[in-house]
Protein backbone atom coordinates (compact mmCIF):
# COMPACT_ATOMS: atom_id res chain seq x y z
CA UNK A 1 133.25 71.35 135.48
CA UNK A 2 135.89 70.47 138.06
CA UNK A 3 134.80 69.35 141.53
CA UNK A 4 137.40 69.13 144.27
CA UNK A 5 137.68 65.89 146.26
CA UNK A 6 137.18 67.83 149.49
CA UNK A 7 133.77 69.04 148.31
CA UNK A 8 132.72 65.53 147.30
CA UNK A 9 133.68 63.93 150.61
CA UNK A 10 132.13 66.77 152.61
CA UNK A 11 128.81 66.22 150.84
CA UNK A 12 128.86 62.53 151.74
CA UNK A 13 130.01 62.86 155.35
CA UNK A 14 127.53 61.13 157.64
CA UNK A 15 125.62 59.83 154.62
CA UNK A 16 123.20 61.63 152.31
CA UNK A 17 119.91 60.54 153.87
CA UNK A 18 117.85 61.17 156.98
CA UNK A 19 114.36 60.30 158.22
CA UNK A 20 111.94 63.19 158.61
CA UNK A 21 108.64 63.19 160.50
CA UNK A 22 105.35 64.00 158.78
CA UNK A 23 104.19 65.79 161.94
CA UNK A 24 106.14 66.93 165.01
CA UNK A 25 106.25 65.06 168.32
CA UNK A 26 106.30 68.21 170.43
CA UNK A 27 103.43 67.53 172.87
CA UNK A 28 102.41 64.69 175.18
CA UNK A 29 99.27 64.22 173.08
CA UNK A 30 101.25 63.90 169.84
CA UNK A 31 103.57 61.37 171.48
CA UNK A 32 100.62 59.33 172.74
CA UNK A 33 99.10 59.23 169.25
CA UNK A 34 102.28 58.43 167.31
CA UNK A 35 103.63 55.94 169.82
CA UNK A 36 102.21 54.23 172.88
CA UNK A 37 99.35 53.89 173.63
CA UNK A 38 97.82 55.12 170.35
CA UNK A 39 99.94 53.10 167.99
CA UNK A 40 98.66 49.87 169.52
CA UNK A 41 95.22 50.53 168.05
CA UNK A 42 96.69 50.76 164.57
CA UNK A 43 98.72 47.59 165.07
CA UNK A 44 95.65 45.71 166.27
CA UNK A 45 93.71 46.86 163.22
CA UNK A 46 96.44 45.69 160.85
CA UNK A 47 96.68 42.37 162.68
CA UNK A 48 92.98 41.89 162.06
CA UNK A 49 93.12 43.10 158.44
CA UNK A 50 96.57 43.02 156.81
CA UNK A 51 95.41 45.20 153.89
CA UNK A 52 95.26 48.17 156.25
CA UNK A 53 99.07 48.28 156.30
CA UNK A 54 98.85 50.00 152.92
CA UNK A 55 96.93 52.86 154.48
CA UNK A 56 98.50 53.18 157.90
CA UNK A 57 102.22 52.54 157.21
CA UNK A 58 104.67 53.83 154.66
CA UNK A 59 105.41 50.35 153.27
CA UNK A 60 103.10 50.69 150.28
CA UNK A 61 105.05 53.74 149.05
CA UNK A 62 108.54 52.65 150.13
CA UNK A 63 111.08 51.43 147.58
CA UNK A 64 113.88 49.12 148.71
CA UNK A 65 117.09 49.92 146.81
CA UNK A 66 118.92 46.59 146.94
CA UNK A 67 122.49 45.70 145.94
CA UNK A 68 125.17 43.16 146.72
CA UNK A 69 127.90 45.51 145.51
CA UNK A 70 129.07 43.15 142.79
CA UNK A 71 128.88 45.51 139.78
CA UNK A 72 128.93 49.08 141.05
CA UNK A 73 129.16 51.82 138.40
CA UNK A 74 132.46 51.26 136.58
CA UNK A 75 134.13 50.11 139.80
CA UNK A 76 133.18 46.43 139.61
CA UNK A 77 132.84 44.10 142.59
CA UNK A 78 133.59 46.44 145.49
CA UNK A 79 131.35 44.83 148.08
CA UNK A 80 128.28 45.82 150.04
CA UNK A 81 129.76 48.50 152.30
CA UNK A 82 131.45 50.37 149.46
CA UNK A 83 128.24 50.26 147.42
CA UNK A 84 126.17 51.99 150.11
CA UNK A 85 127.02 55.59 149.04
CA UNK A 86 125.66 54.75 145.58
CA UNK A 87 122.47 53.26 147.01
CA UNK A 88 122.01 56.32 149.25
CA UNK A 89 122.35 58.47 146.13
CA UNK A 90 119.75 56.36 144.39
CA UNK A 91 117.37 56.86 147.30
CA UNK A 92 117.95 60.61 147.11
CA UNK A 93 117.03 60.55 143.42
CA UNK A 94 113.82 58.63 144.14
CA UNK A 95 112.76 61.36 146.57
CA UNK A 96 113.80 64.28 144.39
CA UNK A 97 112.46 63.12 141.03
CA UNK A 98 109.70 60.68 142.00
CA UNK A 99 108.50 61.92 145.36
CA UNK A 100 109.02 58.42 146.76
CA UNK A 101 110.63 57.36 150.01
CA UNK A 102 113.20 54.61 149.68
CA UNK A 103 115.67 52.76 151.84
CA UNK A 104 119.08 51.42 150.77
CA UNK A 105 119.66 47.74 151.57
CA UNK A 106 123.15 46.42 150.83
CA UNK A 107 123.47 42.68 151.32
CA UNK A 108 126.72 41.04 152.34
CA UNK A 109 126.24 38.05 150.07
CA UNK A 110 126.47 37.22 146.37
CA UNK A 111 124.37 34.08 146.69
CA UNK A 112 121.10 34.33 144.70
CA UNK A 113 119.26 32.06 147.14
CA UNK A 114 120.23 34.25 150.10
CA UNK A 115 119.36 37.49 148.29
CA UNK A 116 115.93 36.23 147.24
CA UNK A 117 115.18 34.79 150.68
CA UNK A 118 116.21 38.04 152.38
CA UNK A 119 113.81 40.08 150.24
CA UNK A 120 110.99 37.61 150.78
CA UNK A 121 111.48 37.91 154.55
CA UNK A 122 111.56 41.71 154.34
CA UNK A 123 108.48 42.03 152.10
CA UNK A 124 106.22 43.57 154.80
CA UNK A 125 108.66 46.50 155.03
CA UNK A 126 108.47 47.86 151.46
CA UNK A 127 106.18 48.27 148.47
CA UNK A 128 108.64 47.87 145.59
CA UNK A 129 112.18 46.67 144.90
CA UNK A 130 114.81 48.47 142.83
CA UNK A 131 117.64 45.99 142.25
CA UNK A 132 120.92 47.76 141.61
CA UNK A 133 124.52 47.03 140.64
CA UNK A 134 124.26 43.21 140.66
CA UNK A 135 126.59 41.51 138.23
CA UNK A 136 125.50 39.49 135.20
CA UNK A 137 124.48 36.81 134.65
CA UNK A 138 123.31 36.45 138.27
CA UNK A 139 121.22 39.61 137.94
CA UNK A 140 118.92 37.93 135.42
CA UNK A 141 118.19 34.99 137.71
CA UNK A 142 117.82 37.16 140.81
CA UNK A 143 115.42 39.57 139.15
CA UNK A 144 113.31 36.74 137.73
CA UNK A 145 113.11 34.95 141.07
CA UNK A 146 112.34 38.10 143.07
CA UNK A 147 109.56 39.01 140.63
CA UNK A 148 108.09 35.53 140.99
CA UNK A 149 108.38 35.55 144.78
CA UNK A 150 106.96 39.00 145.54
CA UNK A 151 103.58 40.57 144.87
CA UNK A 152 104.95 44.05 144.19
CA UNK A 153 106.83 45.97 141.46
CA UNK A 154 110.43 44.78 140.97
CA UNK A 155 112.96 46.13 138.47
CA UNK A 156 116.70 45.78 138.03
CA UNK A 157 117.51 49.35 137.02
CA UNK A 158 120.88 48.58 135.43
CA UNK A 159 118.94 46.53 132.91
CA UNK A 160 115.63 48.23 132.35
CA UNK A 161 116.28 51.81 133.40
CA UNK A 162 119.12 51.91 130.91
CA UNK A 163 117.01 50.30 128.21
CA UNK A 164 114.14 52.74 128.70
CA UNK A 165 116.34 55.81 128.37
CA UNK A 166 118.24 54.35 125.42
CA UNK A 167 114.96 53.80 123.57
CA UNK A 168 113.84 57.34 124.44
CA UNK A 169 117.12 58.76 123.12
CA UNK A 170 116.92 56.68 119.96
CA UNK A 171 113.38 57.92 119.35
CA UNK A 172 114.75 61.44 119.59
CA UNK A 173 117.69 60.70 117.31
CA UNK A 174 115.63 59.16 114.51
CA UNK A 175 113.11 61.99 114.75
CA UNK A 176 115.70 64.72 114.42
CA UNK A 177 117.44 62.84 111.58
CA UNK A 178 114.14 61.88 109.87
CA UNK A 179 115.08 58.22 109.89
CA UNK A 180 113.02 55.05 110.27
CA UNK A 181 113.50 53.24 113.58
CA UNK A 182 112.71 49.76 112.31
CA UNK A 183 115.23 49.90 109.45
CA UNK A 184 118.25 50.69 111.64
CA UNK A 185 121.25 48.39 111.87
CA UNK A 186 122.25 48.49 115.54
CA UNK A 187 125.48 47.33 117.18
CA UNK A 188 125.36 46.76 120.95
CA UNK A 189 128.79 46.55 122.58
CA UNK A 190 128.25 44.69 125.83
CA UNK A 191 126.29 41.51 126.52
CA UNK A 192 125.77 42.09 130.23
CA UNK A 193 122.75 43.39 132.10
CA UNK A 194 122.32 46.65 130.18
CA UNK A 195 123.20 45.19 126.79
CA UNK A 196 120.67 42.38 127.01
CA UNK A 197 117.87 44.66 128.25
CA UNK A 198 118.60 47.29 125.60
CA UNK A 199 118.53 44.61 122.92
CA UNK A 200 115.19 43.35 124.19
CA UNK A 201 113.46 46.73 124.27
CA UNK A 202 114.82 47.69 120.83
CA UNK A 203 113.58 44.41 119.38
CA UNK A 204 110.20 44.94 121.00
CA UNK A 205 110.11 48.37 119.34
CA UNK A 206 110.53 46.90 115.87
CA UNK A 207 114.29 46.86 115.24
CA UNK A 208 115.28 43.48 113.82
CA UNK A 209 118.92 43.96 112.78
CA UNK A 210 120.82 44.00 116.09
CA UNK A 211 124.35 42.65 116.53
CA UNK A 212 125.60 42.17 120.09
CA UNK A 213 129.24 41.86 121.11
CA UNK A 214 130.90 40.64 124.29
CA UNK A 215 134.59 40.79 125.16
CA UNK A 216 135.33 37.96 122.71
CA UNK A 217 133.47 39.30 119.70
CA UNK A 218 130.09 39.00 118.03
CA UNK A 219 127.58 36.91 119.96
CA UNK A 220 126.65 34.36 117.32
CA UNK A 221 125.19 30.89 117.13
CA UNK A 222 128.47 29.39 115.97
CA UNK A 223 130.31 30.15 119.22
CA UNK A 224 130.77 27.38 121.77
CA UNK A 225 131.88 29.59 124.67
CA UNK A 226 128.53 31.28 125.39
CA UNK A 227 126.68 30.91 128.67
CA UNK A 228 122.98 30.05 128.52
CA UNK A 229 121.89 33.71 128.52
CA UNK A 230 124.19 34.65 125.65
CA UNK A 231 123.31 31.52 123.71
CA UNK A 232 119.64 32.47 123.92
CA UNK A 233 120.54 36.03 122.88
CA UNK A 234 122.41 34.70 119.85
CA UNK A 235 119.23 33.03 118.64
CA UNK A 236 117.36 36.34 118.60
CA UNK A 237 120.02 38.66 117.15
CA UNK A 238 122.59 38.92 114.34
CA UNK A 239 120.18 38.10 111.49
CA UNK A 240 122.92 38.53 108.87
CA UNK A 241 125.06 35.89 110.55
CA UNK A 242 128.10 38.12 111.10
CA UNK A 243 131.20 36.73 112.76
CA UNK A 244 134.35 38.39 114.06
CA UNK A 245 134.64 41.47 116.19
CA UNK A 246 133.80 45.15 116.36
CA UNK A 247 135.25 45.92 112.93
CA UNK A 248 132.94 43.47 111.22
CA UNK A 249 129.93 44.59 113.27
CA UNK A 250 130.36 48.35 112.75
CA UNK A 251 130.94 48.31 109.00
CA UNK A 252 127.83 49.97 107.55
CA UNK A 253 126.02 50.09 110.90
CA UNK A 254 123.61 52.91 111.68
CA UNK A 255 123.81 52.86 115.48
CA UNK A 256 126.59 52.09 117.95
CA UNK A 257 125.40 51.52 121.50
CA UNK A 258 128.22 51.14 124.00
CA UNK A 259 127.31 49.64 127.38
CA UNK A 260 130.68 48.14 128.24
CA UNK A 261 134.06 49.45 129.28
CA UNK A 262 135.72 48.58 125.97
CA UNK A 263 137.24 51.38 123.91
CA UNK A 264 136.25 51.88 120.26
CA UNK A 265 138.89 53.14 117.81
CA UNK A 266 137.92 56.24 115.89
CA UNK A 267 138.68 54.55 112.59
CA UNK A 268 135.94 51.96 113.21
CA UNK A 269 133.31 54.63 113.88
CA UNK A 270 134.36 56.07 110.51
CA UNK A 271 133.16 52.86 108.80
CA UNK A 272 129.57 53.33 109.98
CA UNK A 273 126.83 54.37 107.56
CA UNK A 274 126.20 58.11 106.93
CA UNK A 275 123.99 59.94 109.45
CA UNK A 276 125.12 57.52 112.12
CA UNK A 277 124.17 57.52 115.79
CA UNK A 278 126.69 56.88 118.57
CA UNK A 279 125.64 56.26 122.17
CA UNK A 280 128.88 55.80 124.14
CA UNK A 281 127.50 55.20 127.62
CA UNK A 282 130.40 53.78 129.60
CA UNK A 283 131.15 55.84 132.72
CA UNK A 284 133.22 57.70 133.58
CA UNK A 285 135.07 57.19 130.29
CA UNK A 286 132.93 56.75 127.14
CA UNK A 287 133.91 54.07 124.66
CA UNK A 288 134.93 56.89 122.32
CA UNK A 289 135.32 60.57 123.12
CA UNK A 290 132.31 62.54 121.84
CA UNK A 291 134.50 64.99 119.93
CA UNK A 292 136.01 62.11 117.97
CA UNK A 293 132.64 60.45 117.36
CA UNK A 294 131.13 63.70 116.03
CA UNK A 295 133.58 63.68 113.14
CA UNK A 296 131.56 60.82 111.65
CA UNK A 297 128.22 60.52 113.48
CA UNK A 298 125.26 62.89 113.18
CA UNK A 299 124.08 62.32 116.78
CA UNK A 300 126.32 61.50 119.73
CA UNK A 301 125.28 60.80 123.32
CA UNK A 302 127.07 59.70 126.48
CA UNK A 303 126.19 58.91 130.07
CA UNK A 304 127.99 62.00 131.36
CA UNK A 305 126.51 65.32 132.37
CA UNK A 306 129.32 67.41 130.90
CA UNK A 307 128.50 66.52 127.28
CA UNK A 308 125.24 67.05 125.35
CA UNK A 309 122.63 64.28 125.26
CA UNK A 310 123.15 62.65 128.64
CA UNK A 311 121.50 59.23 128.69
CA UNK A 312 120.93 58.76 132.40
CA UNK A 313 118.67 56.30 134.24
CA UNK A 314 117.35 59.07 136.49
CA UNK A 315 115.10 60.00 133.58
CA UNK A 316 113.33 56.66 133.99
CA UNK A 317 113.34 54.84 137.31
CA UNK A 318 111.72 57.46 139.62
CA UNK A 319 108.72 57.85 137.32
CA UNK A 320 108.50 54.13 136.53
CA UNK A 321 108.22 53.17 140.18
CA UNK A 322 105.97 56.13 140.98
CA UNK A 323 103.61 55.16 138.17
CA UNK A 324 103.58 51.50 139.15
CA UNK A 325 102.84 52.33 142.79
CA UNK A 326 100.24 54.96 141.89
CA UNK A 327 98.41 52.36 139.79
CA UNK A 328 98.73 49.60 142.38
CA UNK A 329 100.49 47.42 139.80
CA UNK A 330 102.03 44.15 140.95
CA UNK A 331 104.46 43.97 138.01
CA UNK A 332 106.46 46.32 135.80
CA UNK A 333 105.67 45.05 132.31
CA UNK A 334 107.36 45.55 128.96
CA UNK A 335 104.43 47.75 127.91
CA UNK A 336 105.07 50.00 130.92
CA UNK A 337 108.77 50.30 130.04
CA UNK A 338 108.06 51.24 126.42
CA UNK A 339 105.44 53.75 127.60
CA UNK A 340 108.06 55.28 129.89
CA UNK A 341 110.48 55.69 126.98
CA UNK A 342 107.87 57.44 124.84
CA UNK A 343 106.97 59.70 127.75
CA UNK A 344 110.60 60.75 128.20
CA UNK A 345 110.88 61.47 124.47
CA UNK A 346 107.64 63.47 124.50
CA UNK A 347 109.01 65.93 127.06
CA UNK A 348 111.66 67.17 124.61
CA UNK A 349 108.95 68.53 122.32
CA UNK A 350 109.91 71.50 120.17
CA UNK A 351 113.37 71.69 121.77
CA UNK A 352 114.45 68.55 119.89
CA UNK A 353 117.84 68.88 118.21
CA UNK A 354 120.97 66.88 117.49
CA UNK A 355 122.36 68.00 120.85
CA UNK A 356 119.04 67.64 122.67
CA UNK A 357 117.47 64.25 121.93
CA UNK A 358 116.46 63.64 125.56
CA UNK A 359 115.39 66.03 128.31
CA UNK A 360 117.80 67.17 130.99
CA UNK A 361 118.05 64.92 134.02
CA UNK A 362 116.95 67.96 136.04
CA UNK A 363 113.82 68.65 133.97
CA UNK A 364 110.93 68.59 136.50
CA UNK A 365 108.45 67.52 133.83
CA UNK A 366 110.00 64.11 133.26
CA UNK A 367 109.06 62.26 136.45
CA UNK A 368 105.34 63.15 136.34
CA UNK A 369 105.14 62.40 132.61
CA UNK A 370 106.73 58.98 133.02
CA UNK A 371 104.62 58.16 136.09
CA UNK A 372 101.39 59.01 134.27
CA UNK A 373 102.34 56.98 131.19
CA UNK A 374 103.42 53.98 133.24
CA UNK A 375 100.26 54.04 135.35
CA UNK A 376 98.10 54.17 132.22
CA UNK A 377 100.06 51.35 130.54
CA UNK A 378 99.73 49.16 133.62
CA UNK A 379 96.09 48.49 132.79
CA UNK A 380 95.20 48.42 136.49
């Protein structure tokens, strides 16, 4: 599918979002109710009882889509202004697939203290926070601190949205191949936001043999150049004590999960175990072209819509936030994320196949299924 630049820019002209009224302001009476003097009664009521804001404003159902523009798609640190089209797109996805209103907030700072303080000050405006496109390792600290500071659902989608859909896709892959999830040897290429979160959710799902690589090779306890996050990751992964690079990691591996921009030579994919699984998720260019990977792997997935098995976060985040808000949850827990993954996998049903391990991003059943599963798993 080829899309001309002129069509792309025309679709973005003036932005992709607008604010619509729930009821028209076409009479003097309607104006007096929605604005002055009627609105003053509602404001007085909320001033007397702050909990009424949940009922009489949109804040309780509004998601703030927040970025500092430091790690946008595959474009890198392009700044707040250039990240806004992506955040607008995210807000459009929330509305389309989760039925949630959201507002993009791009912050002209990379300082964690300033980002956290800004969201604390803005808390009365929204009911949940979707952190987006914030570079690692700052994203880990920022997410942790925002979760601690706010009494509402918070999730960094680059981490957990990716992890949820990866787990859902892997559930589909092992089902169609009749393999055991816990026995898989998994290689994760990328030790940033997505790589760490994917590793965590796979470990929580019973996979113990996971080897993670960064740009310098296997993340292992013997390396002295690891930051604190990678050093902690090294303690929980690589149980066979491998050293070296991608060649050593992929030899005999069952799963390759690419969440970095690094290319993988075809000859290394050939060294994987039979009935292998390749998730090459780098966008717009996968770590290995799917046609090349299919020569050796039984199941191949990418992050792109023009190849089978698109692993895309839109399968997860709208339903996750919808479910958390429906339940009145104050946190998005690991149990809720795993429940979301199983819900995504369940939608595939009888259509499961090597080229259909996850539902389409446009499948209208996904959002409601994820929301229901997340709400139930919240325990609220």
